[in-house]
């Protein structure tokens, strides 16, 4: 009982730290403030804390993780997320970051496919081969294409599969409450985050005319982390039984 109470206390402390840091980096980004640490590092610390939270908050101890499929896949997805955000947020390795985020979505898709995970994995692998084939054909016979385009397309398809799987989890009660709601809203927020990523990147592709249009794209850039961190917090807690 004492160990359980201690774990519950640690979880609540981590959650409050994440919430405080969330408000802090949103304030820094919105007002373009300068402090001793940049908002990028604060954001990455929050992602590290979400991974740590999943270790304390899931139903099974870490030493028994490989005997429990759901716990293993949840923590694996969050660990890969840590690597992906290191590439994107800190190191600016965009291609590698998108590749790792694709693996994140694949892991979540397999996690939510409680009955037929192998079929889900095979379906994603076939999609990958098709995109790779189309990229090779287009590069050989039409025009050389930036490798980030097919990688981003594959990521987007993986994201749609994982979100649709999360909706099935919610509708069919494949997870107990409140985990099914955390999974559902976590993945919806993840989708909204990536929609904002896509919209904010349009400004680097299309010529923007007018102050109002430029401001709109800046809002989308700001909203990325408004949606993203809550999604990671919800997903990290989706295996929890200690709060």
Protein backbone atom coordinates (compact mmCIF):
# COMPACT_ATOMS: atom_id res chain seq x y z
CA UNK A 1 0.00 0.00 0.00
CA UNK A 2 2.84 2.40 0.89
CA UNK A 3 4.56 1.69 -2.45
CA UNK A 4 1.31 2.34 -4.29
CA UNK A 5 0.75 5.62 -2.43
CA UNK A 6 4.33 6.68 -3.17
CA UNK A 7 3.90 5.89 -6.89
CA UNK A 8 0.65 7.85 -6.93
CA UNK A 9 2.41 10.83 -5.34
CA UNK A 10 5.26 10.68 -7.88
CA UNK A 11 2.74 10.58 -10.73
CA UNK A 12 0.88 13.63 -9.44
CA UNK A 13 4.14 15.54 -8.93
CA UNK A 14 5.26 14.76 -12.51
CA UNK A 15 1.86 15.80 -13.89
CA UNK A 16 2.00 19.13 -12.06
CA UNK A 17 5.55 19.77 -13.26
CA UNK A 18 4.43 19.08 -16.84
CA UNK A 19 1.43 21.42 -16.47
CA UNK A 20 3.60 24.22 -15.05
CA UNK A 21 6.22 23.81 -17.81
CA UNK A 22 3.40 23.67 -20.41
CA UNK A 23 2.06 27.04 -19.26
CA UNK A 24 5.61 28.43 -19.13
CA UNK A 25 6.62 27.54 -22.69
CA UNK A 26 3.26 28.65 -24.08
CA UNK A 27 3.79 32.01 -22.38
CA UNK A 28 7.32 32.23 -23.80
CA UNK A 29 6.16 31.37 -27.33
CA UNK A 30 3.08 33.60 -27.30
CA UNK A 31 4.85 36.69 -25.96
CA UNK A 32 8.22 35.84 -27.55
CA UNK A 33 9.84 36.19 -24.13
CA UNK A 34 13.49 35.55 -23.32
CA UNK A 35 14.59 33.66 -20.21
CA UNK A 36 17.64 31.62 -19.22
CA UNK A 37 16.37 28.59 -21.19
CA UNK A 38 14.68 28.41 -24.59
CA UNK A 39 11.17 27.02 -24.97
CA UNK A 40 12.55 24.19 -27.14
CA UNK A 41 14.43 22.70 -24.21
CA UNK A 42 11.43 23.14 -21.90
CA UNK A 43 9.27 21.30 -24.43
CA UNK A 44 11.74 18.45 -24.69
CA UNK A 45 11.94 18.16 -20.90
CA UNK A 46 8.15 17.76 -20.92
CA UNK A 47 8.42 14.90 -23.42
CA UNK A 48 11.03 13.21 -21.24
CA UNK A 49 8.70 13.60 -18.25
CA UNK A 50 5.83 12.02 -20.21
CA UNK A 51 8.00 8.98 -20.86
CA UNK A 52 8.97 8.84 -17.18
CA UNK A 53 5.29 9.17 -16.28
CA UNK A 54 4.43 6.11 -18.36
CA UNK A 55 6.92 4.08 -16.34
CA UNK A 56 5.36 5.04 -13.00
CA UNK A 57 1.75 5.10 -14.18
CA UNK A 58 1.21 1.83 -16.03
CA UNK A 59 -0.40 -1.26 -14.59
CA UNK A 60 2.69 -3.44 -14.47
CA UNK A 61 6.18 -2.88 -13.04
CA UNK A 62 9.02 -2.16 -15.44
CA UNK A 63 10.81 -5.41 -14.60
CA UNK A 64 7.80 -7.32 -15.94
CA UNK A 65 7.33 -5.19 -19.05
CA UNK A 66 8.14 -7.84 -21.67
CA UNK A 67 5.36 -10.10 -20.38
CA UNK A 68 2.71 -7.44 -20.92
CA UNK A 69 2.06 -6.46 -24.52
CA UNK A 70 0.08 -3.26 -23.94
CA UNK A 71 2.52 -1.79 -21.43
CA UNK A 72 5.50 -2.66 -23.60
CA UNK A 73 4.00 -1.06 -26.72
CA UNK A 74 2.93 2.08 -24.84
CA UNK A 75 6.36 2.66 -23.36
CA UNK A 76 8.07 1.74 -26.62
CA UNK A 77 6.00 4.34 -28.48
CA UNK A 78 6.83 7.01 -25.91
CA UNK A 79 10.53 6.09 -25.94
CA UNK A 80 10.63 6.42 -29.74
CA UNK A 81 8.79 9.74 -29.33
CA UNK A 82 11.65 10.91 -27.11
CA UNK A 83 14.11 10.07 -29.91
CA UNK A 84 11.90 11.63 -32.59
CA UNK A 85 11.54 14.89 -30.68
CA UNK A 86 15.28 14.94 -30.04
CA UNK A 87 15.75 14.88 -33.81
CA UNK A 88 13.06 17.47 -34.58
CA UNK A 89 13.06 19.83 -31.62
CA UNK A 90 16.72 19.86 -30.56
CA UNK A 91 18.86 18.64 -33.47
CA UNK A 92 16.71 19.78 -36.45
CA UNK A 93 17.09 16.42 -38.21
CA UNK A 94 13.71 16.61 -39.93
CA UNK A 95 13.87 13.51 -42.11
CA UNK A 96 15.09 11.30 -39.28
CA UNK A 97 12.49 12.82 -36.97
CA UNK A 98 9.62 11.99 -39.33
CA UNK A 99 10.97 8.45 -39.74
CA UNK A 100 10.93 7.94 -35.97
CA UNK A 101 7.46 9.46 -35.68
CA UNK A 102 6.29 6.97 -38.32
CA UNK A 103 7.56 4.21 -36.04
CA UNK A 104 5.65 5.83 -33.18
CA UNK A 105 2.38 5.67 -35.11
CA UNK A 106 3.05 2.09 -36.21
CA UNK A 107 3.64 1.11 -32.58
CA UNK A 108 0.39 2.76 -31.48
CA UNK A 109 -1.51 1.09 -34.33
CA UNK A 110 -0.23 -2.33 -33.28
CA UNK A 111 -1.04 -1.51 -29.65
CA UNK A 112 -4.66 -0.65 -30.43
CA UNK A 113 -5.10 -3.66 -32.74
CA UNK A 114 -5.74 -5.94 -29.78
CA UNK A 115 -7.15 -8.80 -31.89
CA UNK A 116 -5.18 -8.75 -35.16
CA UNK A 117 -1.88 -6.89 -34.65
CA UNK A 118 -0.03 -8.92 -37.32
CA UNK A 119 -2.58 -7.94 -39.97
CA UNK A 120 -2.16 -4.27 -39.02
CA UNK A 121 1.62 -4.53 -39.27
CA UNK A 122 1.43 -6.31 -42.65
CA UNK A 123 -0.98 -3.66 -43.99
CA UNK A 124 1.40 -0.88 -42.98
CA UNK A 125 4.37 -2.73 -44.50
CA UNK A 126 2.51 -3.11 -47.82
CA UNK A 127 1.71 0.62 -47.81
CA UNK A 128 5.40 1.35 -47.19
CA UNK A 129 6.43 -0.83 -50.15
CA UNK A 130 3.88 0.85 -52.42
CA UNK A 131 5.10 4.34 -51.50
CA UNK A 132 8.72 3.25 -51.91
CA UNK A 133 7.94 1.80 -55.36
CA UNK A 134 6.11 4.96 -56.47
CA UNK A 135 9.00 7.10 -55.23
CA UNK A 136 11.55 5.02 -57.17
CA UNK A 137 9.46 5.11 -60.36
CA UNK A 138 8.87 8.86 -60.09
CA UNK A 139 12.55 9.56 -59.40
CA UNK A 140 13.74 7.40 -62.31
CA UNK A 141 11.26 8.38 -65.02
CA UNK A 142 9.71 11.71 -64.06
CA UNK A 143 11.65 13.97 -61.71
CA UNK A 144 13.83 13.65 -58.64
CA UNK A 145 11.59 14.05 -55.59
CA UNK A 146 12.63 15.29 -52.17
CA UNK A 147 12.82 12.21 -49.93
CA UNK A 148 10.92 14.09 -47.22
CA UNK A 149 7.75 13.99 -49.36
CA UNK A 150 7.26 10.18 -49.48
CA UNK A 151 8.41 9.87 -45.85
CA UNK A 152 5.85 12.48 -44.79
CA UNK A 153 3.16 10.76 -46.86
CA UNK A 154 3.93 7.44 -45.18
CA UNK A 155 3.83 9.12 -41.76
CA UNK A 156 0.46 10.71 -42.53
CA UNK A 157 -1.02 7.35 -43.55
CA UNK A 158 0.37 5.73 -40.38
CA UNK A 159 -1.15 8.56 -38.35
CA UNK A 160 -4.58 8.04 -39.93
CA UNK A 161 -4.38 4.30 -39.22
CA UNK A 162 -3.47 4.84 -35.56
CA UNK A 163 -6.18 7.49 -35.09
CA UNK A 164 -8.84 5.30 -36.71
CA UNK A 165 -7.69 2.41 -34.51
CA UNK A 166 -8.03 4.65 -31.44
CA UNK A 167 -11.59 5.50 -32.50
CA UNK A 168 -12.36 1.77 -32.76
CA UNK A 169 -10.88 1.28 -29.27
CA UNK A 170 -13.21 3.97 -27.92
CA UNK A 171 -16.35 2.84 -29.75
CA UNK A 172 -15.94 -0.88 -29.02
CA UNK A 173 -14.76 -0.49 -25.41
CA UNK A 174 -11.58 -2.45 -26.07
CA UNK A 175 -9.92 -0.68 -23.14
CA UNK A 176 -11.46 0.05 -19.73
CA UNK A 177 -12.48 3.56 -18.74
CA UNK A 178 -10.79 6.03 -18.45
CA UNK A 179 -7.99 4.53 -20.60
CA UNK A 180 -10.19 4.37 -23.71
CA UNK A 181 -10.97 8.09 -23.41
CA UNK A 182 -7.31 8.95 -22.87
CA UNK A 183 -6.40 6.98 -25.99
CA UNK A 184 -9.19 8.54 -28.05
CA UNK A 185 -8.56 12.17 -27.07
CA UNK A 186 -4.79 11.66 -27.02
CA UNK A 187 -4.75 10.51 -30.63
CA UNK A 188 -7.24 13.19 -31.75
CA UNK A 189 -4.98 15.85 -30.23
CA UNK A 190 -2.01 14.17 -31.95
CA UNK A 191 -3.87 14.50 -35.26
CA UNK A 192 -4.71 18.17 -34.61
CA UNK A 193 -1.06 18.81 -33.80
CA UNK A 194 0.09 17.36 -37.12
CA UNK A 195 -2.59 19.25 -39.03
CA UNK A 196 -1.14 22.43 -37.52
CA UNK A 197 2.36 21.27 -38.51
CA UNK A 198 1.20 20.85 -42.11
CA UNK A 199 -0.58 24.22 -42.17
CA UNK A 200 2.36 26.05 -40.61
CA UNK A 201 4.73 24.54 -43.17
CA UNK A 202 2.58 25.83 -46.04
CA UNK A 203 4.09 29.24 -45.34
CA UNK A 204 7.51 27.90 -46.40
CA UNK A 205 6.10 26.58 -49.68
CA UNK A 206 3.56 29.20 -50.80
CA UNK A 207 4.37 32.90 -51.12
CA UNK A 208 2.44 34.78 -48.45
CA UNK A 209 0.97 38.16 -49.22
CA UNK A 210 -0.53 40.31 -46.54
CA UNK A 211 0.04 40.65 -42.83
CA UNK A 212 -3.13 38.80 -41.80
CA UNK A 213 -2.24 35.68 -43.79
CA UNK A 214 1.23 35.53 -42.27
CA UNK A 215 -0.23 35.92 -38.80
CA UNK A 216 -2.61 33.00 -39.44
CA UNK A 217 0.27 30.66 -40.23
CA UNK A 218 2.08 31.82 -37.09
CA UNK A 219 -1.00 30.87 -35.07
CA UNK A 220 -0.88 27.34 -36.51
CA UNK A 221 2.77 27.11 -35.51
CA UNK A 222 1.88 28.16 -31.96
CA UNK A 223 -0.99 25.64 -31.79
CA UNK A 224 1.31 22.69 -32.57
CA UNK A 225 2.46 22.34 -28.96
CA UNK A 226 -0.89 23.47 -27.57
CA UNK A 227 -2.23 20.14 -28.90
CA UNK A 228 0.92 18.03 -28.83
CA UNK A 229 1.92 17.99 -25.16
CA UNK A 230 -1.62 17.22 -23.86
CA UNK A 231 -1.75 14.34 -26.35
CA UNK A 232 1.48 12.90 -24.96
CA UNK A 233 0.31 13.34 -21.37
CA UNK A 234 -2.97 11.54 -22.06
CA UNK A 235 -1.24 8.69 -23.90
CA UNK A 236 1.35 8.32 -21.13
CA UNK A 237 -1.50 7.93 -18.63
CA UNK A 238 -3.56 5.58 -20.77
CA UNK A 239 -2.13 2.53 -18.98
CA UNK A 240 -2.45 4.02 -15.52
CA UNK A 241 -4.17 2.52 -12.48
CA UNK A 242 -2.53 4.49 -9.70
CA UNK A 243 -4.31 7.87 -9.71
